[in-house]
Amino acid sequence: AARSRARKQAYTNELELELEQLRRENKMLIQREKDFINDRQAKAAQLAVPDRRSGRSTATSLQQKQQHEQRCRSAPPP
């Protein structure tokens, strides 16, 4: 019975160590996600700044450029 309790205690200790490692990893991943979201929002805000030459936002210009490139790629070859 003592060996069984010792094995159970060792297993419990392993699980507690794994739990602590997973908590640290989860905390790191949550922070990375927050950083990624903040970076994406900052880039989106930069893209939404109006283009001084045309008066349109650069996001609109970028969308038009992407749509043009998509049409060119999907067009049948000559």
Protein backbone atom coordinates (compact mmCIF):
# COMPACT_ATOMS: atom_id res chain seq x y z
CA ALA A 1 0.00 0.00 0.00
CA ALA A 2 2.89 2.35 0.75
CA ARG A 3 4.32 1.83 -2.76
CA SER A 4 0.92 2.61 -4.27
CA ARG A 5 0.70 5.84 -2.28
CA ALA A 6 4.26 6.75 -3.29
CA ARG A 7 3.45 6.16 -6.99
CA LYS A 8 0.27 8.19 -6.66
CA GLN A 9 2.19 11.02 -4.95
CA ALA A 10 4.87 10.98 -7.66
CA TYR A 11 2.20 11.08 -10.35
CA THR A 12 0.44 13.95 -8.58
CA ASN A 13 3.73 15.85 -8.37
CA GLU A 14 4.31 15.35 -12.10
CA LEU A 15 0.82 16.63 -12.87
CA GLU A 16 1.36 19.70 -10.69
CA LEU A 17 4.63 20.49 -12.51
CA GLU A 18 2.94 20.04 -15.88
CA LEU A 19 0.04 22.24 -14.76
CA GLU A 20 2.43 25.03 -13.75
CA GLN A 21 4.27 24.76 -17.08
CA LEU A 22 0.98 24.90 -19.00
CA ARG A 23 -0.17 27.92 -17.01
CA ARG A 24 3.06 29.77 -17.86
CA GLU A 25 2.72 28.82 -21.52
CA ASN A 26 -0.92 29.92 -21.56
CA LYS A 27 -0.01 33.27 -20.00
CA MET A 28 2.71 33.78 -22.63
CA LEU A 29 0.34 32.88 -25.47
CA ILE A 30 -2.34 35.23 -24.18
CA GLN A 31 0.21 38.05 -24.11
CA ARG A 32 1.39 37.20 -27.64
CA GLU A 33 -2.22 37.26 -28.83
CA LYS A 34 -2.76 40.68 -27.23
CA ASP A 35 0.43 42.00 -28.84
CA PHE A 36 -0.64 40.62 -32.22
CA ILE A 37 -4.07 42.23 -31.95
CA ASN A 38 -2.55 45.57 -30.95
CA ASP A 39 -0.09 45.43 -33.86
CA ARG A 40 -2.87 44.55 -36.29
CA GLN A 41 -5.03 47.41 -35.02
CA ALA A 42 -2.11 49.84 -35.30
CA LYS A 43 -1.46 48.76 -38.89
CA ALA A 44 -5.15 49.04 -39.74
CA ALA A 45 -5.19 52.56 -38.29
CA GLN A 46 -2.18 53.49 -40.42
CA LEU A 47 -3.89 52.14 -43.53
CA ALA A 48 -7.02 54.16 -42.79
CA VAL A 49 -5.11 57.46 -42.90
CA PRO A 50 -6.30 59.49 -45.93
CA ASP A 51 -3.99 59.61 -48.92
CA ARG A 52 -3.13 63.29 -49.37
CA ARG A 53 -2.87 63.06 -53.16
CA SER A 54 -6.22 61.48 -53.92
CA GLY A 55 -8.22 62.33 -50.80
CA ARG A 56 -9.09 58.64 -50.44
CA SER A 57 -7.90 56.51 -47.61
CA THR A 58 -4.88 54.33 -48.27
CA ALA A 59 -7.01 51.38 -47.15
CA THR A 60 -9.30 52.01 -50.13
CA SER A 61 -6.31 52.34 -52.44
CA LEU A 62 -4.84 49.14 -51.05
CA GLN A 63 -8.14 47.30 -51.51
CA GLN A 64 -8.35 48.47 -55.11
CA LYS A 65 -4.78 47.35 -55.76
CA GLN A 66 -5.49 43.92 -54.25
CA GLN A 67 -8.68 43.56 -56.30
CA HIS A 68 -6.79 44.48 -59.47
CA GLU A 69 -4.08 41.93 -58.70
CA GLN A 70 -6.73 39.27 -58.03
CA ARG A 71 -8.44 40.00 -61.35
CA CYS A 72 -5.11 39.77 -63.16
CA ARG A 73 -4.35 36.40 -61.57
CA SER A 74 -7.79 34.98 -62.32
CA ALA A 75 -7.89 36.24 -65.91
CA PRO A 76 -7.45 33.53 -68.56
CA PRO A 77 -4.03 33.46 -70.22
CA PRO A 78 -3.81 35.18 -73.61
